[in-house]
Protein backbone atom coordinates (compact mmCIF):
# COMPACT_ATOMS: atom_id res chain seq x y z
CA MET A 1 -5.88 -37.00 26.30
CA ARG A 2 -5.89 -38.26 22.60
CA ALA A 3 -9.22 -40.52 23.77
CA THR A 4 -11.08 -37.49 24.61
CA PHE A 5 -10.77 -36.15 21.80
CA VAL A 6 -11.37 -38.96 19.21
CA ALA A 7 -14.80 -38.50 21.75
CA ILE A 8 -15.09 -35.22 21.19
CA ALA A 9 -14.45 -35.44 17.72
CA PHE A 10 -16.98 -39.16 17.10
CA PHE A 11 -19.70 -36.68 19.07
CA ILE A 12 -19.47 -33.62 16.55
CA LEU A 13 -18.98 -35.82 13.03
CA SER A 14 -22.78 -37.68 14.85
CA ALA A 15 -24.70 -34.30 15.59
CA PHE A 16 -23.63 -32.27 13.02
CA GLY A 17 -22.18 -34.68 9.73
CA ILE A 18 -18.96 -33.73 8.11
CA TRP A 19 -20.07 -30.24 6.35
CA GLY A 20 -21.78 -29.00 9.58
CA ALA A 21 -18.99 -30.40 11.65
CA TRP A 22 -16.80 -27.70 9.33
CA GLN A 23 -18.90 -24.71 9.71
CA PHE A 24 -18.65 -25.75 13.60
CA LEU A 25 -15.88 -25.54 14.29
CA SER A 26 -15.05 -23.11 12.18
CA ALA A 27 -17.70 -20.55 14.10
CA SER A 28 -16.62 -21.41 17.77
CA ALA A 29 -12.79 -21.58 16.70
CA ILE A 30 -11.59 -19.43 13.74
CA PRO A 31 -12.74 -15.30 13.33
CA ALA A 32 -14.38 -14.14 10.48
CA ALA A 33 -11.93 -12.73 7.78
CA ALA A 34 -12.84 -12.10 4.39
CA THR A 35 -10.56 -11.16 1.55
CA ARG A 36 -12.05 -8.60 -0.96
CA PRO A 37 -10.56 -7.67 -3.77
CA ASP A 38 -13.58 -5.19 -4.44
CA LYS A 39 -12.81 -3.24 -1.05
CA ILE A 40 -11.33 -0.48 -0.81
CA ALA A 41 -8.45 -0.68 2.13
CA SER A 42 -8.95 3.48 3.01
CA GLU A 43 -12.71 3.08 3.90
CA PRO A 44 -13.94 2.37 7.09
CA VAL A 45 -15.32 -1.34 8.40
CA PRO A 46 -18.32 -0.95 10.60
CA ALA A 47 -17.33 -2.39 14.19
CA ASP A 48 -20.01 -5.18 13.88
CA SER A 49 -19.39 -6.07 10.73
CA GLY A 50 -17.70 -9.37 11.64
CA GLU A 51 -15.53 -8.76 9.07
CA LEU A 52 -11.72 -9.15 9.70
CA PHE A 53 -9.82 -6.81 6.27
CA VAL A 54 -5.82 -6.33 6.52
CA THR A 55 -5.37 -3.66 4.33
CA GLY A 56 -2.14 -2.67 4.96
CA ARG A 57 1.40 -2.32 6.99
CA LEU A 58 1.34 0.51 9.36
CA LYS A 59 4.29 1.79 8.24
CA ASP A 60 3.46 2.10 5.12
CA LEU A 61 0.49 4.22 5.91
CA ILE A 62 -0.08 7.58 4.56
CA ILE A 63 -1.41 10.72 6.84
CA ILE A 64 -2.48 13.89 5.32
CA HIS A 65 -4.74 16.63 6.45
CA GLY A 66 -4.74 13.73 9.36
CA ARG A 67 -6.58 11.14 7.03
CA ASN A 68 -5.31 7.73 7.14
CA ILE A 69 -5.21 6.35 3.68
CA TYR A 70 -3.43 3.31 2.16
CA PRO A 71 -1.05 3.19 -0.23
CA GLN A 72 -2.51 0.08 -2.48
CA ASP A 73 -5.68 2.22 -2.87
CA ILE A 74 -4.06 4.85 -4.92
CA GLU A 75 -2.07 1.98 -6.41
CA GLN A 76 -4.60 0.26 -8.36
CA ILE A 77 -5.84 2.91 -9.22
CA VAL A 78 -2.60 4.44 -10.99
CA GLU A 79 -2.04 0.76 -12.57
CA LYS A 80 -5.35 1.15 -13.71
CA LYS A 81 -5.05 4.37 -15.62
CA GLN A 82 -1.37 3.18 -16.66
CA PRO A 83 -1.00 1.84 -20.56
CA THR A 84 0.92 -0.87 -19.19
CA GLY A 85 -1.32 -2.31 -16.82
CA VAL A 86 1.38 -3.87 -15.65
CA PRO A 87 0.49 -4.93 -11.73
CA ASN A 88 2.81 -4.12 -9.13
CA SER A 89 4.57 -1.37 -10.91
CA VAL A 90 3.69 2.07 -9.12
CA ALA A 91 4.77 3.38 -4.95
CA ALA A 92 2.24 5.28 -3.70
CA PHE A 93 4.42 7.15 -0.36
CA SER A 94 3.94 11.10 1.65
CA VAL A 95 6.49 13.33 1.58
CA TRP A 96 7.25 16.44 3.72
CA ALA A 97 6.93 19.49 1.14
CA ASN A 98 6.01 23.36 2.49
CA GLY A 99 5.10 22.38 5.59
CA GLN A 100 2.64 19.21 5.32
CA GLU A 101 3.10 15.70 4.02
CA ARG A 102 2.25 16.04 -0.05
CA LEU A 103 1.39 12.76 -2.00
CA CYS A 104 4.36 11.97 -4.30
CA ILE A 105 4.20 8.72 -7.03
CA VAL A 106 6.52 7.34 -8.65
CA ILE A 107 5.09 4.85 -11.49
CA GLU A 108 7.55 2.40 -14.27
CA ALA A 109 7.58 3.81 -16.85
CA SER A 110 6.92 2.12 -20.44
CA ARG A 111 9.68 1.15 -22.98
CA THR A 112 8.34 3.40 -25.44
CA LEU A 113 8.63 6.63 -22.52
CA ALA A 114 11.63 5.35 -20.91
CA ARG A 115 13.77 5.20 -24.16
CA SER A 116 12.43 8.24 -25.21
CA ALA A 117 12.80 10.16 -22.46
CA ARG A 118 16.51 8.61 -22.42
CA LEU A 119 16.90 10.17 -25.58
CA GLY A 120 16.14 13.28 -25.08
CA ASP A 121 13.79 13.19 -27.89
CA LEU A 122 9.96 13.24 -26.32
CA PRO A 123 7.89 14.06 -29.15
CA ASP A 124 4.48 16.48 -28.51
CA ASP A 125 1.70 14.82 -28.59
CA GLU A 126 3.59 12.12 -26.42
CA SER A 127 4.58 15.19 -24.07
CA GLN A 128 0.56 15.89 -23.85
CA GLU A 129 -0.46 12.51 -24.27
CA LEU A 130 1.52 12.14 -20.18
CA LEU A 131 0.63 15.29 -19.25
CA LEU A 132 -3.72 13.81 -19.86
CA LEU A 133 -2.35 10.84 -18.50
CA LEU A 134 -1.29 12.31 -15.00
CA THR A 135 -4.27 14.98 -15.28
CA GLY A 136 -6.01 11.99 -15.40
CA ILE A 137 -4.36 10.03 -12.59
CA ARG A 138 -4.94 13.39 -9.80
CA HIS A 139 -8.47 13.30 -11.10
CA ASP A 140 -9.29 9.85 -9.92
CA ILE A 141 -7.96 10.24 -6.96
CA ALA A 142 -9.18 12.83 -6.13
CA ALA A 143 -12.33 11.41 -7.10
CA SER A 144 -11.65 8.02 -4.81
CA LEU A 145 -10.06 9.09 -1.27
CA ASN A 146 -10.57 12.94 -2.14
CA VAL A 147 -6.31 13.67 -1.83
CA ARG A 148 -4.22 15.31 -4.65
CA ALA A 149 -1.22 13.66 -5.67
CA GLU A 150 1.11 16.58 -5.13
CA TYR A 151 3.99 15.01 -7.06
CA PHE A 152 4.45 12.10 -9.90
CA ALA A 153 8.47 11.16 -10.92
CA PHE A 154 8.59 7.86 -13.01
CA LEU A 155 11.85 5.33 -13.45
CA PRO A 156 13.00 3.21 -16.31
CA VAL A 157 11.57 -0.42 -16.64
CA GLY A 158 13.95 -2.58 -15.26
CA GLU A 159 14.63 0.06 -12.10
CA PHE A 160 12.10 -0.06 -10.76
CA PRO A 161 12.61 -1.73 -7.09
CA ARG A 162 10.09 -4.97 -6.26
CA THR A 163 11.07 -7.27 -4.11
CA SER A 164 12.45 -10.74 -5.16
CA SER A 165 7.96 -11.87 -4.83
CA GLY A 166 7.44 -9.38 -6.62
CA LYS A 167 5.94 -6.69 -3.85
CA VAL A 168 6.93 -2.82 -4.58
CA GLN A 169 9.60 -1.64 -2.67
CA ARG A 170 7.81 1.47 -0.93
CA SER A 171 11.19 2.91 1.12
CA VAL A 172 13.28 2.52 -1.94
CA CYS A 173 11.95 4.36 -3.93
CA LYS A 174 11.25 7.43 -1.52
CA ASN A 175 15.11 6.96 -0.14
CA ALA A 176 15.47 7.37 -4.28
CA LEU A 177 14.51 9.97 -5.34
CA LYS A 178 16.19 11.77 -2.04
CA ASN A 179 19.74 10.61 -2.21
CA GLY A 180 19.94 9.64 -6.30
CA SER A 181 20.71 6.05 -6.27
CA LEU A 182 18.06 5.33 -8.22
CA SER A 183 17.83 6.94 -12.67
CA PHE A 184 14.44 9.41 -12.51
CA LEU A 185 13.74 10.08 -16.16
CA ASP A 186 13.47 14.11 -17.42
CA LEU A 187 10.08 14.05 -18.28
CA PRO A 188 7.04 16.84 -18.54
CA GLY A 189 5.23 17.30 -15.02
CA CYS A 190 7.65 15.60 -13.32
CA ILE A 191 10.34 15.49 -10.48
CA THR A 192 13.59 14.04 -10.73
CA SER A 193 14.73 14.20 -7.20
CA ILE A 194 13.31 16.33 -3.84
CA GLN A 195 14.86 17.60 -0.67
CA GLU A 196 12.51 16.47 2.24
CA ASP A 197 13.10 19.88 4.85
CA PHE A 198 11.50 19.30 7.57
CA SER A 199 11.42 23.33 8.78
CA GLU A 200 8.20 23.74 7.35
CA THR A 201 8.63 25.90 4.51
CA SER A 202 9.23 24.50 1.66
CA VAL A 203 10.57 21.68 -0.66
CA SER A 204 14.44 21.63 -3.23
CA GLU A 205 12.83 19.31 -6.08
CA THR A 206 14.01 19.48 -9.56
CA SER A 207 11.19 19.03 -11.85
CA THR A 208 10.29 20.22 -14.80
CA GLN A 209 6.85 21.56 -16.01
CA GLN A 210 5.64 19.97 -12.52
CA GLN A 211 1.62 20.26 -13.62
């Protein structure tokens, strides 16, 4: 068996050369795959493209108005708008509110914003800056993915849920909003807790100046 394998390998190397042999083996044994950082996961991929895109875990998939939306797409948009620019500092997921799934986004606040919120002394200019940030995020998400970001919540630095490898824990963020296990900041235009209502009536929420 080993002699047969060696003979086949020798034949391929002789016929194609080292580089040609690698391409031959790749084409015949390895499905074409690609990693495209510029590729939006929610974009449809042509069936005959010959490429495989890993778009995320099924349990994290957001379905709003019958459309599949991947949280990574939303999180990337928000991180680009965030003044801190810290990666893996945003969690996007859906909550059931007023008879349908709605988009909720949890963001890790900057140290300055968290300190002002905890002191209960957020200056007017910082409040307006925050509201403008949320408006800009809503606009960019709607323009890119045609979905509205309904709720925002902020967590102080050090409390944003991540795995030991730094990955966002979306389910932990969502559960924390429902059970109060994390200290969400009381900020203009944001919520600090939420209670899903599956009776298709309404959602109970705690917020300040919900925009």
